[in-house]
Amino acid sequence: MKKVLILSGSPRKDGNSDLLCSEFMRGAQESGNEVQKIFVRSKKIALQCLLLLPRPRRQVCPER
């Protein structure tokens, strides 16, 4: 048995991407895997700003 993590980045609940994730999840579970699905849209995520990459001291984008 493998552990499978699915990150659903669909902006809409039950949107096309989310439905695809759900079908993949169903297939993985039917194959005996342990599956967890996380909805990225419901999480607050701070990403390093690509414009600030040359400046290593600034780790996140400024608030807008």
Protein backbone atom coordinates (compact mmCIF):
# COMPACT_ATOMS: atom_id res chain seq x y z
CA MET A 1 0.00 0.00 0.00
CA LYS A 2 1.24 3.48 -0.87
CA LYS A 3 0.31 6.84 0.58
CA VAL A 4 -1.03 9.23 -2.06
CA LEU A 5 -1.48 12.97 -1.56
CA ILE A 6 -3.69 14.84 -4.01
CA LEU A 7 -3.52 18.64 -4.12
CA SER A 8 -6.68 19.95 -5.75
CA GLY A 9 -5.98 23.42 -7.13
CA SER A 10 -9.38 23.86 -8.73
CA PRO A 11 -10.82 27.31 -8.01
CA ARG A 12 -14.35 25.87 -8.03
CA LYS A 13 -15.75 23.06 -5.93
CA ASP A 14 -16.74 20.25 -8.30
CA GLY A 15 -15.01 22.03 -11.21
CA ASN A 16 -13.32 19.98 -13.93
CA SER A 17 -9.95 19.80 -12.15
CA ASP A 18 -11.60 18.86 -8.87
CA LEU A 19 -13.64 16.12 -10.55
CA LEU A 20 -10.48 14.74 -12.15
CA CYS A 21 -8.80 14.69 -8.72
CA SER A 22 -11.81 12.86 -7.26
CA GLU A 23 -11.73 10.20 -9.98
CA PHE A 24 -7.98 9.71 -9.49
CA MET A 25 -8.61 9.43 -5.75
CA ARG A 26 -11.30 6.80 -6.27
CA GLY A 27 -9.02 4.73 -8.50
CA ALA A 28 -6.12 4.97 -6.08
CA GLN A 29 -8.33 3.89 -3.17
CA GLU A 30 -9.74 0.98 -5.16
CA SER A 31 -6.15 -0.14 -5.75
CA GLY A 32 -5.64 -0.34 -1.99
CA ASN A 33 -3.77 2.91 -1.45
CA GLU A 34 -4.19 5.36 1.41
CA VAL A 35 -5.30 8.64 -0.16
CA GLN A 36 -5.65 12.17 1.18
CA LYS A 37 -7.02 15.09 -0.85
CA ILE A 38 -6.26 18.68 0.11
CA PHE A 39 -8.18 21.61 -1.34
CA VAL A 40 -5.55 24.28 -1.99
CA ARG A 41 -8.24 26.91 -2.55
CA SER A 42 -9.16 26.75 1.13
CA LYS A 43 -5.60 27.27 2.37
CA LYS A 44 -3.73 30.51 2.90
CA ILE A 45 -0.37 29.97 1.21
CA ALA A 46 2.48 32.48 1.09
CA LEU A 47 4.79 31.88 -1.86
CA GLN A 48 8.16 33.42 -2.46
CA CYS A 49 7.72 36.22 -4.98
CA LEU A 50 9.46 35.48 -8.28
CA LEU A 51 10.32 39.16 -8.68
CA LEU A 52 12.27 39.09 -5.43
CA LEU A 53 14.33 35.97 -6.12
CA PRO A 54 17.60 37.90 -6.61
CA ARG A 55 17.14 39.41 -3.14
CA PRO A 56 17.54 36.50 -0.70
CA ARG A 57 16.78 38.62 2.39
CA ARG A 58 13.20 39.24 1.22
CA GLN A 59 11.44 35.91 1.44
CA VAL A 60 7.82 36.78 0.62
CA CYS A 61 5.97 39.23 -1.57
CA PRO A 62 4.92 42.48 0.09
CA GLU A 63 1.25 42.75 1.02
CA ARG A 64 -0.86 44.57 -1.56
